[in-house]
Amino acid sequence: MLALSGTILVGSGYIYLYLQARYAFTSQAPLYGMWVEQNVAPYAATTIDIRPKAIVVQGHTVATQYRFNGDILSFNAGGREHRYRMLNDENTEMRLISAAHYNPTFRLSKKFKNDLR
């Protein structure tokens, strides 16, 4: 019984470490850059600039903390939670999923040259 308990405990520890490592390697770095709203006139397109320590919308910092689990980007701004789902494995397109009336698609247009911004 003691051996079985020990095996379960060690197995749980390995699973926990695996999940932590997986989360750590699911970096936010692939998200960094300028995201541009698609299927609208260029002068009306919303831009979202994802930086290492901030999210900037239309040139204004709206959040300094955000979460990305490999599929969904989320952050709080203006008293609401904003959630975007990645549409492809390369993380170059995302869609707003938190607003019921309008769910625009954004495409990554340029990457950061460095992470010093």
PDB file of N, CA and C in Angstrom:
ATOM      1  N   MET A   1       0.825  -1.181   0.000  1.00  0.00           N
ATOM      2  CA  MET A   1       0.000   0.000   0.000  1.00  0.00           C
ATOM      3  C   MET A   1       0.881   1.262   0.000  1.00  0.00           C
ATOM      4  N   LEU A   2       1.947   1.222   0.785  1.00  0.00           N
ATOM      5  CA  LEU A   2       2.860   2.357   0.851  1.00  0.00           C
ATOM      6  C   LEU A   2       3.546   2.591  -0.496  1.00  0.00           C
ATOM      7  N   ALA A   3       3.931   1.513  -1.166  1.00  0.00           N
ATOM      8  CA  ALA A   3       4.573   1.627  -2.474  1.00  0.00           C
ATOM      9  C   ALA A   3       3.607   2.207  -3.502  1.00  0.00           C
ATOM     10  N   LEU A   4       2.365   1.781  -3.459  1.00  0.00           N
ATOM     11  CA  LEU A   4       1.357   2.299  -4.389  1.00  0.00           C
ATOM     12  C   LEU A   4       1.125   3.788  -4.157  1.00  0.00           C
ATOM     13  N   SER A   5       1.015   4.176  -2.895  1.00  0.00           N
ATOM     14  CA  SER A   5       0.833   5.596  -2.563  1.00  0.00           C
ATOM     15  C   SER A   5       2.020   6.424  -3.043  1.00  0.00           C
ATOM     16  N   GLY A   6       3.216   5.903  -2.831  1.00  0.00           N
ATOM     17  CA  GLY A   6       4.417   6.604  -3.284  1.00  0.00           C
ATOM     18  C   GLY A   6       4.463   6.749  -4.788  1.00  0.00           C
ATOM     19  N   THR A   7       4.074   5.686  -5.496  1.00  0.00           N
ATOM     20  CA  THR A   7       4.046   5.726  -6.956  1.00  0.00           C
ATOM     21  C   THR A   7       3.046   6.769  -7.456  1.00  0.00           C
ATOM     22  N   ILE A   8       1.893   6.820  -6.845  1.00  0.00           N
ATOM     23  CA  ILE A   8       0.866   7.800  -7.234  1.00  0.00           C
ATOM     24  C   ILE A   8       1.358   9.212  -6.947  1.00  0.00           C
ATOM     25  N   LEU A   9       1.992   9.405  -5.819  1.00  0.00           N
ATOM     26  CA  LEU A   9       2.514  10.716  -5.461  1.00  0.00           C
ATOM     27  C   LEU A   9       3.597  11.172  -6.442  1.00  0.00           C
ATOM     28  N   VAL A  10       4.519  10.294  -6.759  1.00  0.00           N
ATOM     29  CA  VAL A  10       5.592  10.626  -7.711  1.00  0.00           C
ATOM     30  C   VAL A  10       4.995  10.892  -9.094  1.00  0.00           C
ATOM     31  N   GLY A  11       4.039  10.063  -9.511  1.00  0.00           N
ATOM     32  CA  GLY A  11       3.383  10.260 -10.808  1.00  0.00           C
ATOM     33  C   GLY A  11       2.679  11.599 -10.870  1.00  0.00           C
ATOM     34  N   SER A  12       1.986  11.964  -9.807  1.00  0.00           N
ATOM     35  CA  SER A  12       1.306  13.266  -9.759  1.00  0.00           C
ATOM     36  C   SER A  12       2.309  14.403  -9.854  1.00  0.00           C
ATOM     37  N   GLY A  13       3.452  14.230  -9.182  1.00  0.00           N
ATOM     38  CA  GLY A  13       4.494  15.255  -9.254  1.00  0.00           C
ATOM     39  C   GLY A  13       5.017  15.442 -10.659  1.00  0.00           C
ATOM     40  N   TYR A  14       5.248  14.341 -11.369  1.00  0.00           N
ATOM     41  CA  TYR A  14       5.724  14.431 -12.754  1.00  0.00           C
ATOM     42  C   TYR A  14       4.685  15.095 -13.654  1.00  0.00           C
ATOM     43  N   ILE A  15       3.433  14.763 -13.461  1.00  0.00           N
ATOM     44  CA  ILE A  15       2.373  15.387 -14.265  1.00  0.00           C
ATOM     45  C   ILE A  15       2.335  16.890 -14.005  1.00  0.00           C
ATOM     46  N   TYR A  16       2.426  17.271 -12.740  1.00  0.00           N
ATOM     47  CA  TYR A  16       2.427  18.691 -12.387  1.00  0.00           C
ATOM     48  C   TYR A  16       3.609  19.404 -13.048  1.00  0.00           C
ATOM     49  N   LEU A  17       4.807  18.838 -12.952  1.00  0.00           N
ATOM     50  CA  LEU A  17       5.980  19.452 -13.563  1.00  0.00           C
ATOM     51  C   LEU A  17       5.855  19.541 -15.080  1.00  0.00           C
ATOM     52  N   TYR A  18       5.287  18.505 -15.693  1.00  0.00           N
ATOM     53  CA  TYR A  18       5.079  18.528 -17.136  1.00  0.00           C
ATOM     54  C   TYR A  18       4.149  19.670 -17.528  1.00  0.00           C
ATOM     55  N   LEU A  19       3.051  19.821 -16.819  1.00  0.00           N
ATOM     56  CA  LEU A  19       2.100  20.884 -17.137  1.00  0.00           C
ATOM     57  C   LEU A  19       2.707  22.263 -16.917  1.00  0.00           C
ATOM     58  N   GLN A  20       3.517  22.426 -15.872  1.00  0.00           N
ATOM     59  CA  GLN A  20       4.181  23.698 -15.632  1.00  0.00           C
ATOM     60  C   GLN A  20       5.187  24.013 -16.745  1.00  0.00           C
ATOM     61  N   ALA A  21       5.943  23.016 -17.165  1.00  0.00           N
ATOM     62  CA  ALA A  21       6.908  23.220 -18.245  1.00  0.00           C
ATOM     63  C   ALA A  21       6.196  23.539 -19.550  1.00  0.00           C
ATOM     64  N   ARG A  22       5.107  22.854 -19.813  1.00  0.00           N
ATOM     65  CA  ARG A  22       4.341  23.109 -21.029  1.00  0.00           C
ATOM     66  C   ARG A  22       3.816  24.536 -21.039  1.00  0.00           C
ATOM     67  N   TYR A  23       3.316  25.005 -19.896  1.00  0.00           N
ATOM     68  CA  TYR A  23       2.825  26.375 -19.804  1.00  0.00           C
ATOM     69  C   TYR A  23       3.966  27.369 -20.014  1.00  0.00           C
ATOM     70  N   ALA A  24       5.126  27.087 -19.437  1.00  0.00           N
ATOM     71  CA  ALA A  24       6.267  27.987 -19.567  1.00  0.00           C
ATOM     72  C   ALA A  24       6.735  28.079 -21.009  1.00  0.00           C
ATOM     73  N   PHE A  25       6.686  26.966 -21.744  1.00  0.00           N
ATOM     74  CA  PHE A  25       7.137  26.974 -23.128  1.00  0.00           C
ATOM     75  C   PHE A  25       6.077  27.478 -24.088  1.00  0.00           C
ATOM     76  N   THR A  26       4.824  27.589 -23.638  1.00  0.00           N
ATOM     77  CA  THR A  26       3.781  28.204 -24.445  1.00  0.00           C
ATOM     78  C   THR A  26       3.945  29.705 -24.251  1.00  0.00           C
ATOM     79  N   SER A  27       4.970  30.213 -24.822  1.00  0.00           N
ATOM     80  CA  SER A  27       5.368  31.601 -24.623  1.00  0.00           C
ATOM     81  C   SER A  27       4.396  32.565 -25.280  1.00  0.00           C
ATOM     82  N   GLN A  28       4.397  33.780 -24.743  1.00  0.00           N
ATOM     83  CA  GLN A  28       3.592  34.831 -25.344  1.00  0.00           C
ATOM     84  C   GLN A  28       4.347  35.514 -26.479  1.00  0.00           C
ATOM     85  N   ALA A  29       5.625  35.229 -26.614  1.00  0.00           N
ATOM     86  CA  ALA A  29       6.447  35.881 -27.629  1.00  0.00           C
ATOM     87  C   ALA A  29       5.871  35.781 -29.044  1.00  0.00           C
ATOM     88  N   PRO A  30       5.269  34.646 -29.457  1.00  0.00           N
ATOM     89  CA  PRO A  30       4.713  34.604 -30.809  1.00  0.00           C
ATOM     90  C   PRO A  30       3.582  35.613 -31.032  1.00  0.00           C
ATOM     91  N   LEU A  31       3.025  36.151 -29.975  1.00  0.00           N
ATOM     92  CA  LEU A  31       1.936  37.118 -30.103  1.00  0.00           C
ATOM     93  C   LEU A  31       2.435  38.536 -30.315  1.00  0.00           C
ATOM     94  N   TYR A  32       3.690  38.807 -29.946  1.00  0.00           N
ATOM     95  CA  TYR A  32       4.203  40.165 -29.989  1.00  0.00           C
ATOM     96  C   TYR A  32       4.161  40.716 -31.405  1.00  0.00           C
ATOM     97  N   GLY A  33       3.667  41.927 -31.516  1.00  0.00           N
ATOM     98  CA  GLY A  33       3.625  42.605 -32.795  1.00  0.00           C
ATOM     99  C   GLY A  33       2.324  43.354 -32.980  1.00  0.00           C
ATOM    100  N   MET A  34       2.137  43.878 -34.178  1.00  0.00           N
ATOM    101  CA  MET A  34       0.962  44.679 -34.509  1.00  0.00           C
ATOM    102  C   MET A  34      -0.098  43.788 -35.156  1.00  0.00           C
ATOM    103  N   TRP A  35      -1.297  43.776 -34.578  1.00  0.00           N
ATOM    104  CA  TRP A  35      -2.437  43.034 -35.098  1.00  0.00           C
ATOM    105  C   TRP A  35      -3.399  44.038 -35.708  1.00  0.00           C
ATOM    106  N   VAL A  36      -3.870  43.760 -36.912  1.00  0.00           N
ATOM    107  CA  VAL A  36      -4.733  44.690 -37.640  1.00  0.00           C
ATOM    108  C   VAL A  36      -6.062  44.014 -37.935  1.00  0.00           C
ATOM    109  N   GLU A  37      -7.135  44.744 -37.670  1.00  0.00           N
ATOM    110  CA  GLU A  37      -8.488  44.244 -37.943  1.00  0.00           C
ATOM    111  C   GLU A  37      -8.663  44.019 -39.445  1.00  0.00           C
ATOM    112  N   GLN A  38      -9.297  42.923 -39.802  1.00  0.00           N
ATOM    113  CA  GLN A  38      -9.490  42.548 -41.203  1.00  0.00           C
ATOM    114  C   GLN A  38     -10.918  42.845 -41.653  1.00  0.00           C
ATOM    115  N   ASN A  39     -11.101  42.917 -42.959  1.00  0.00           N
ATOM    116  CA  ASN A  39     -12.415  43.075 -43.601  1.00  0.00           C
ATOM    117  C   ASN A  39     -13.101  44.388 -43.263  1.00  0.00           C
ATOM    118  N   VAL A  40     -12.296  45.422 -43.036  1.00  0.00           N
ATOM    119  CA  VAL A  40     -12.807  46.777 -42.859  1.00  0.00           C
ATOM    120  C   VAL A  40     -11.915  47.712 -43.661  1.00  0.00           C
ATOM    121  N   ALA A  41     -12.390  48.922 -43.898  1.00  0.00           N
ATOM    122  CA  ALA A  41     -11.576  49.907 -44.607  1.00  0.00           C
ATOM    123  C   ALA A  41     -10.306  50.181 -43.801  1.00  0.00           C
ATOM    124  N   PRO A  42      -9.169  50.365 -44.478  1.00  0.00           N
ATOM    125  CA  PRO A  42      -7.907  50.579 -43.757  1.00  0.00           C
ATOM    126  C   PRO A  42      -7.956  51.728 -42.756  1.00  0.00           C
ATOM    127  N   TYR A  43      -8.658  52.808 -43.065  1.00  0.00           N
ATOM    128  CA  TYR A  43      -8.716  53.952 -42.151  1.00  0.00           C
ATOM    129  C   TYR A  43      -9.581  53.664 -40.914  1.00  0.00           C
ATOM    130  N   ALA A  44     -10.411  52.629 -40.970  1.00  0.00           N
ATOM    131  CA  ALA A  44     -11.292  52.296 -39.849  1.00  0.00           C
ATOM    132  C   ALA A  44     -10.801  51.087 -39.055  1.00  0.00           C
ATOM    133  N   ALA A  45      -9.717  50.461 -39.499  1.00  0.00           N
ATOM    134  CA  ALA A  45      -9.235  49.235 -38.858  1.00  0.00           C
ATOM    135  C   ALA A  45      -8.661  49.520 -37.469  1.00  0.00           C
ATOM    136  N   THR A  46      -9.050  48.712 -36.516  1.00  0.00           N
ATOM    137  CA  THR A  46      -8.490  48.780 -35.175  1.00  0.00           C
ATOM    138  C   THR A  46      -7.149  48.064 -35.174  1.00  0.00           C
ATOM    139  N   THR A  47      -6.174  48.641 -34.479  1.00  0.00           N
ATOM    140  CA  THR A  47      -4.872  47.992 -34.346  1.00  0.00           C
ATOM    141  C   THR A  47      -4.643  47.643 -32.881  1.00  0.00           C
ATOM    142  N   ILE A  48      -4.072  46.472 -32.665  1.00  0.00           N
ATOM    143  CA  ILE A  48      -3.712  46.011 -31.331  1.00  0.00           C
ATOM    144  C   ILE A  48      -2.235  45.673 -31.361  1.00  0.00           C
ATOM    145  N   ASP A  49      -1.467  46.381 -30.563  1.00  0.00           N
ATOM    146  CA  ASP A  49      -0.028  46.174 -30.494  1.00  0.00           C
ATOM    147  C   ASP A  49       0.256  45.384 -29.216  1.00  0.00           C
ATOM    148  N   ILE A  50       0.647  44.118 -29.362  1.00  0.00           N
ATOM    149  CA  ILE A  50       0.935  43.281 -28.201  1.00  0.00           C
ATOM    150  C   ILE A  50       2.431  43.339 -27.937  1.00  0.00           C
ATOM    151  N   ARG A  51       2.762  43.842 -26.762  1.00  0.00           N
ATOM    152  CA  ARG A  51       4.146  44.014 -26.349  1.00  0.00           C
ATOM    153  C   ARG A  51       4.431  43.101 -25.160  1.00  0.00           C
ATOM    154  N   PRO A  52       5.689  42.938 -24.816  1.00  0.00           N
ATOM    155  CA  PRO A  52       6.011  42.058 -23.686  1.00  0.00           C
ATOM    156  C   PRO A  52       5.328  42.455 -22.380  1.00  0.00           C
ATOM    157  N   LYS A  53       5.134  43.739 -22.151  1.00  0.00           N
ATOM    158  CA  LYS A  53       4.564  44.177 -20.884  1.00  0.00           C
ATOM    159  C   LYS A  53       3.317  45.036 -21.039  1.00  0.00           C
ATOM    160  N   ALA A  54       2.695  45.041 -22.226  1.00  0.00           N
ATOM    161  CA  ALA A  54       1.518  45.879 -22.406  1.00  0.00           C
ATOM    162  C   ALA A  54       0.739  45.482 -23.656  1.00  0.00           C
ATOM    163  N   ILE A  55      -0.526  45.873 -23.652  1.00  0.00           N
ATOM    164  CA  ILE A  55      -1.355  45.784 -24.839  1.00  0.00           C
ATOM    165  C   ILE A  55      -1.784  47.205 -25.167  1.00  0.00           C
ATOM    166  N   VAL A  56      -1.496  47.613 -26.393  1.00  0.00           N
ATOM    167  CA  VAL A  56      -1.759  48.969 -26.843  1.00  0.00           C
ATOM    168  C   VAL A  56      -2.784  48.910 -27.974  1.00  0.00           C
ATOM    169  N   VAL A  57      -3.922  49.583 -27.787  1.00  0.00           N
ATOM    170  CA  VAL A  57      -4.972  49.614 -28.796  1.00  0.00           C
ATOM    171  C   VAL A  57      -5.077  51.037 -29.324  1.00  0.00           C
ATOM    172  N   GLN A  58      -4.929  51.171 -30.634  1.00  0.00           N
ATOM    173  CA  GLN A  58      -5.005  52.476 -31.302  1.00  0.00           C
ATOM    174  C   GLN A  58      -4.036  53.485 -30.662  1.00  0.00           C
ATOM    175  N   GLY A  59      -2.870  53.015 -30.239  1.00  0.00           N
ATOM    176  CA  GLY A  59      -1.856  53.906 -29.682  1.00  0.00           C
ATOM    177  C   GLY A  59      -1.988  54.186 -28.198  1.00  0.00           C
ATOM    178  N   HIS A  60      -2.976  53.600 -27.526  1.00  0.00           N
ATOM    179  CA  HIS A  60      -3.189  53.828 -26.096  1.00  0.00           C
ATOM    180  C   HIS A  60      -3.008  52.526 -25.322  1.00  0.00           C
ATOM    181  N   THR A  61      -2.200  52.566 -24.285  1.00  0.00           N
ATOM    182  CA  THR A  61      -2.004  51.384 -23.450  1.00  0.00           C
ATOM    183  C   THR A  61      -3.301  51.103 -22.703  1.00  0.00           C
ATOM    184  N   VAL A  62      -3.837  49.898 -22.890  1.00  0.00           N
ATOM    185  CA  VAL A  62      -5.103  49.534 -22.243  1.00  0.00           C
ATOM    186  C   VAL A  62      -4.911  48.467 -21.175  1.00  0.00           C
ATOM    187  N   ALA A  63      -3.786  47.750 -21.214  1.00  0.00           N
ATOM    188  CA  ALA A  63      -3.535  46.706 -20.225  1.00  0.00           C
ATOM    189  C   ALA A  63      -2.031  46.495 -20.084  1.00  0.00           C
ATOM    190  N   THR A  64      -1.610  46.218 -18.864  1.00  0.00           N
ATOM    191  CA  THR A  64      -0.200  45.908 -18.627  1.00  0.00           C
ATOM    192  C   THR A  64      -0.021  44.448 -18.218  1.00  0.00           C
ATOM    193  N   GLN A  65      -1.119  43.730 -18.106  1.00  0.00           N
ATOM    194  CA  GLN A  65      -1.073  42.300 -17.815  1.00  0.00           C
ATOM    195  C   GLN A  65      -2.055  41.596 -18.731  1.00  0.00           C
ATOM    196  N   TYR A  66      -1.656  40.443 -19.204  1.00  0.00           N
ATOM    197  CA  TYR A  66      -2.546  39.633 -20.030  1.00  0.00           C
ATOM    198  C   TYR A  66      -2.164  38.182 -19.901  1.00  0.00           C
ATOM    199  N   ARG A  67      -3.063  37.318 -20.348  1.00  0.00           N
ATOM    200  CA  ARG A  67      -2.851  35.878 -20.248  1.00  0.00           C
ATOM    201  C   ARG A  67      -3.010  35.257 -21.629  1.00  0.00           C
ATOM    202  N   PHE A  68      -2.167  34.247 -21.889  1.00  0.00           N
ATOM    203  CA  PHE A  68      -2.271  33.491 -23.131  1.00  0.00           C
ATOM    204  C   PHE A  68      -1.999  32.034 -22.806  1.00  0.00           C
ATOM    205  N   ASN A  69      -2.974  31.172 -23.077  1.00  0.00           N
ATOM    206  CA  ASN A  69      -2.826  29.754 -22.738  1.00  0.00           C
ATOM    207  C   ASN A  69      -2.472  28.894 -23.947  1.00  0.00           C
ATOM    208  N   GLY A  70      -2.075  29.527 -25.035  1.00  0.00           N
ATOM    209  CA  GLY A  70      -1.755  28.794 -26.249  1.00  0.00           C
ATOM    210  C   GLY A  70      -2.885  28.819 -27.251  1.00  0.00           C
ATOM    211  N   ASP A  71      -4.090  29.189 -26.791  1.00  0.00           N
ATOM    212  CA  ASP A  71      -5.263  29.258 -27.659  1.00  0.00           C
ATOM    213  C   ASP A  71      -6.025  30.567 -27.481  1.00  0.00           C
ATOM    214  N   ILE A  72      -6.134  31.035 -26.248  1.00  0.00           N
ATOM    215  CA  ILE A  72      -6.940  32.224 -25.961  1.00  0.00           C
ATOM    216  C   ILE A  72      -6.088  33.286 -25.291  1.00  0.00           C
ATOM    217  N   LEU A  73      -6.148  34.496 -25.849  1.00  0.00           N
ATOM    218  CA  LEU A  73      -5.531  35.678 -25.270  1.00  0.00           C
ATOM    219  C   LEU A  73      -6.620  36.413 -24.506  1.00  0.00           C
ATOM    220  N   SER A  74      -6.352  36.789 -23.262  1.00  0.00           N
ATOM    221  CA  SER A  74      -7.352  37.533 -22.500  1.00  0.00           C
ATOM    222  C   SER A  74      -6.681  38.620 -21.677  1.00  0.00           C
ATOM    223  N   PHE A  75      -7.395  39.729 -21.536  1.00  0.00           N
ATOM    224  CA  PHE A  75      -6.926  40.837 -20.714  1.00  0.00           C
ATOM    225  C   PHE A  75      -8.132  41.676 -20.304  1.00  0.00           C
ATOM    226  N   ASN A  76      -7.958  42.454 -19.238  1.00  0.00           N
ATOM    227  CA  ASN A  76      -9.015  43.340 -18.761  1.00  0.00           C
ATOM    228  C   ASN A  76      -8.691  44.761 -19.173  1.00  0.00           C
ATOM    229  N   ALA A  77      -9.687  45.431 -19.739  1.00  0.00           N
ATOM    230  CA  ALA A  77      -9.534  46.831 -20.142  1.00  0.00           C
ATOM    231  C   ALA A  77     -10.901  47.490 -20.115  1.00  0.00           C
ATOM    232  N   GLY A  78     -10.951  48.680 -19.594  1.00  0.00           N
ATOM    233  CA  GLY A  78     -12.214  49.403 -19.554  1.00  0.00           C
ATOM    234  C   GLY A  78     -13.274  48.703 -18.710  1.00  0.00           C
ATOM    235  N   GLY A  79     -12.841  47.980 -17.694  1.00  0.00           N
ATOM    236  CA  GLY A  79     -13.782  47.298 -16.819  1.00  0.00           C
ATOM    237  C   GLY A  79     -14.395  46.029 -17.391  1.00  0.00           C
ATOM    238  N   ARG A  80     -13.882  45.558 -18.531  1.00  0.00           N
ATOM    239  CA  ARG A  80     -14.395  44.326 -19.144  1.00  0.00           C
ATOM    240  C   ARG A  80     -13.241  43.410 -19.511  1.00  0.00           C
ATOM    241  N   GLU A  81     -13.581  42.127 -19.600  1.00  0.00           N
ATOM    242  CA  GLU A  81     -12.590  41.161 -20.055  1.00  0.00           C
ATOM    243  C   GLU A  81     -12.694  41.033 -21.572  1.00  0.00           C
ATOM    244  N   HIS A  82     -11.563  41.103 -22.232  1.00  0.00           N
ATOM    245  CA  HIS A  82     -11.477  40.935 -23.681  1.00  0.00           C
ATOM    246  C   HIS A  82     -10.811  39.592 -23.936  1.00  0.00           C
ATOM    247  N   ARG A  83     -11.444  38.777 -24.764  1.00  0.00           N
ATOM    248  CA  ARG A  83     -10.908  37.444 -25.061  1.00  0.00           C
ATOM    249  C   ARG A  83     -10.826  37.259 -26.571  1.00  0.00           C
ATOM    250  N   TYR A  84      -9.670  36.739 -27.024  1.00  0.00           N
ATOM    251  CA  TYR A  84      -9.424  36.485 -28.437  1.00  0.00           C
ATOM    252  C   TYR A  84      -8.982  35.031 -28.594  1.00  0.00           C
ATOM    253  N   ARG A  85      -9.560  34.333 -29.556  1.00  0.00           N
ATOM    254  CA  ARG A  85      -9.184  32.938 -29.836  1.00  0.00           C
ATOM    255  C   ARG A  85      -8.312  32.907 -31.084  1.00  0.00           C
ATOM    256  N   MET A  86      -7.200  32.181 -31.005  1.00  0.00           N
ATOM    257  CA  MET A  86      -6.327  32.009 -32.163  1.00  0.00           C
ATOM    258  C   MET A  86      -7.029  31.128 -33.192  1.00  0.00           C
ATOM    259  N   LEU A  87      -6.890  31.483 -34.454  1.00  0.00           N
ATOM    260  CA  LEU A  87      -7.587  30.771 -35.530  1.00  0.00           C
ATOM    261  C   LEU A  87      -6.704  29.780 -36.273  1.00  0.00           C
ATOM    262  N   ASN A  88      -5.391  29.843 -36.033  1.00  0.00           N
ATOM    263  CA  ASN A  88      -4.500  28.895 -36.710  1.00  0.00           C
ATOM    264  C   ASN A  88      -3.338  28.514 -35.797  1.00  0.00           C
ATOM    265  N   ASP A  89      -2.626  27.492 -36.170  1.00  0.00           N
ATOM    266  CA  ASP A  89      -1.519  26.983 -35.352  1.00  0.00           C
ATOM    267  C   ASP A  89      -0.326  27.929 -35.324  1.00  0.00           C
ATOM    268  N   GLU A  90      -0.200  28.778 -36.315  1.00  0.00           N
ATOM    269  CA  GLU A  90       0.927  29.714 -36.371  1.00  0.00           C
ATOM    270  C   GLU A  90       0.686  30.947 -35.513  1.00  0.00           C
ATOM    271  N   ASN A  91      -0.503  31.096 -34.949  1.00  0.00           N
ATOM    272  CA  ASN A  91      -0.886  32.266 -34.148  1.00  0.00           C
ATOM    273  C   ASN A  91      -0.693  33.568 -34.920  1.00  0.00           C
ATOM    274  N   THR A  92      -1.218  33.592 -36.150  1.00  0.00           N
ATOM    275  CA  THR A  92      -1.139  34.807 -36.957  1.00  0.00           C
ATOM    276  C   THR A  92      -2.518  35.415 -37.198  1.00  0.00           C
ATOM    277  N   GLU A  93      -3.571  34.737 -36.762  1.00  0.00           N
ATOM    278  CA  GLU A  93      -4.925  35.272 -36.859  1.00  0.00           C
ATOM    279  C   GLU A  93      -5.668  34.974 -35.566  1.00  0.00           C
ATOM    280  N   MET A  94      -6.456  35.958 -35.126  1.00  0.00           N
ATOM    281  CA  MET A  94      -7.254  35.761 -33.927  1.00  0.00           C
ATOM    282  C   MET A  94      -8.599  36.465 -34.102  1.00  0.00           C
ATOM    283  N   ARG A  95      -9.592  35.993 -33.353  1.00  0.00           N
ATOM    284  CA  ARG A  95     -10.934  36.562 -33.425  1.00  0.00           C
ATOM    285  C   ARG A  95     -11.397  36.929 -32.022  1.00  0.00           C
ATOM    286  N   LEU A  96     -12.003  38.104 -31.903  1.00  0.00           N
ATOM    287  CA  LEU A  96     -12.590  38.526 -30.644  1.00  0.00           C
ATOM    288  C   LEU A  96     -13.767  37.614 -30.335  1.00  0.00           C
ATOM    289  N   ILE A  97     -13.785  37.007 -29.154  1.00  0.00           N
ATOM    290  CA  ILE A  97     -14.890  36.104 -28.807  1.00  0.00           C
ATOM    291  C   ILE A  97     -15.676  36.603 -27.609  1.00  0.00           C
ATOM    292  N   SER A  98     -15.278  37.725 -27.014  1.00  0.00           N
ATOM    293  CA  SER A  98     -15.959  38.188 -25.812  1.00  0.00           C
ATOM    294  C   SER A  98     -17.138  39.112 -26.107  1.00  0.00           C
ATOM    295  N   ALA A  99     -17.224  39.671 -27.290  1.00  0.00           N
ATOM    296  CA  ALA A  99     -18.350  40.552 -27.632  1.00  0.00           C
ATOM    297  C   ALA A  99     -19.376  39.767 -28.446  1.00  0.00           C
ATOM    298  N   ALA A 100     -20.622  39.845 -28.044  1.00  0.00           N
ATOM    299  CA  ALA A 100     -21.660  39.060 -28.725  1.00  0.00           C
ATOM    300  C   ALA A 100     -22.105  39.702 -30.032  1.00  0.00           C
ATOM    301  N   HIS A 101     -22.027  41.025 -30.145  1.00  0.00           N
ATOM    302  CA  HIS A 101     -22.577  41.698 -31.322  1.00  0.00           C
ATOM    303  C   HIS A 101     -21.594  41.851 -32.480  1.00  0.00           C
ATOM    304  N   TYR A 102     -20.303  41.832 -32.203  1.00  0.00           N
ATOM    305  CA  TYR A 102     -19.321  42.014 -33.270  1.00  0.00           C
ATOM    306  C   TYR A 102     -18.056  41.264 -32.908  1.00  0.00           C
ATOM    307  N   ASN A 103     -17.648  40.362 -33.765  1.00  0.00           N
ATOM    308  CA  ASN A 103     -16.470  39.535 -33.507  1.00  0.00           C
ATOM    309  C   ASN A 103     -15.469  39.672 -34.647  1.00  0.00           C
ATOM    310  N   PRO A 104     -14.696  40.771 -34.656  1.00  0.00           N
ATOM    311  CA  PRO A 104     -13.743  40.990 -35.741  1.00  0.00           C
ATOM    312  C   PRO A 104     -12.570  40.014 -35.689  1.00  0.00           C
ATOM    313  N   THR A 105     -11.983  39.824 -36.853  1.00  0.00           N
ATOM    314  CA  THR A 105     -10.781  39.010 -36.992  1.00  0.00           C
ATOM    315  C   THR A 105      -9.589  39.938 -37.135  1.00  0.00           C
ATOM    316  N   PHE A 106      -8.482  39.588 -36.479  1.00  0.00           N
ATOM    317  CA  PHE A 106      -7.250  40.362 -36.538  1.00  0.00           C
ATOM    318  C   PHE A 106      -6.141  39.486 -37.105  1.00  0.00           C
ATOM    319  N   ARG A 107      -5.249  40.102 -37.871  1.00  0.00           N
ATOM    320  CA  ARG A 107      -4.115  39.388 -38.449  1.00  0.00           C
ATOM    321  C   ARG A 107      -2.827  40.070 -37.995  1.00  0.00           C
ATOM    322  N   LEU A 108      -1.850  39.257 -37.633  1.00  0.00           N
ATOM    323  CA  LEU A 108      -0.545  39.771 -37.223  1.00  0.00           C
ATOM    324  C   LEU A 108       0.150  40.331 -38.460  1.00  0.00           C
ATOM    325  N   SER A 109       0.464  41.631 -38.430  1.00  0.00           N
ATOM    326  CA  SER A 109       1.039  42.237 -39.622  1.00  0.00           C
ATOM    327  C   SER A 109       2.550  42.400 -39.542  1.00  0.00           C
ATOM    328  N   LYS A 110       3.088  42.623 -38.350  1.00  0.00           N
ATOM    329  CA  LYS A 110       4.544  42.731 -38.242  1.00  0.00           C
ATOM    330  C   LYS A 110       4.973  42.321 -36.845  1.00  0.00           C
ATOM    331  N   LYS A 111       6.128  41.704 -36.789  1.00  0.00           N
ATOM    332  CA  LYS A 111       6.694  41.249 -35.529  1.00  0.00           C
ATOM    333  C   LYS A 111       7.639  42.320 -34.979  1.00  0.00           C
ATOM    334  N   PHE A 112       7.855  42.261 -33.679  1.00  0.00           N
ATOM    335  CA  PHE A 112       8.852  43.149 -33.067  1.00  0.00           C
ATOM    336  C   PHE A 112      10.235  42.747 -33.530  1.00  0.00           C
ATOM    337  N   LYS A 113      11.060  43.718 -33.753  1.00  0.00           N
ATOM    338  CA  LYS A 113      12.456  43.444 -34.089  1.00  0.00           C
ATOM    339  C   LYS A 113      13.233  43.101 -32.816  1.00  0.00           C
ATOM    340  N   ASN A 114      12.813  43.671 -31.693  1.00  0.00           N
ATOM    341  CA  ASN A 114      13.421  43.337 -30.398  1.00  0.00           C
ATOM    342  C   ASN A 114      12.347  43.447 -29.340  1.00  0.00           C
ATOM    343  N   ASP A 115      12.644  42.972 -28.157  1.00  0.00           N
ATOM    344  CA  ASP A 115      11.656  42.954 -27.084  1.00  0.00           C
ATOM    345  C   ASP A 115      11.892  44.092 -26.081  1.00  0.00           C
ATOM    346  N   LEU A 116      12.486  45.168 -26.518  1.00  0.00           N
ATOM    347  CA  LEU A 116      12.813  46.262 -25.602  1.00  0.00           C
ATOM    348  C   LEU A 116      11.712  47.301 -25.518  1.00  0.00           C
ATOM    349  N   ARG A 117      10.649  47.146 -26.240  1.00  0.00           N
ATOM    350  CA  ARG A 117       9.582  48.141 -26.248  1.00  0.00           C
ATOM    351  C   ARG A 117       8.787  48.110 -24.972  1.00  0.00           C
TER     352      ARG A 117
END
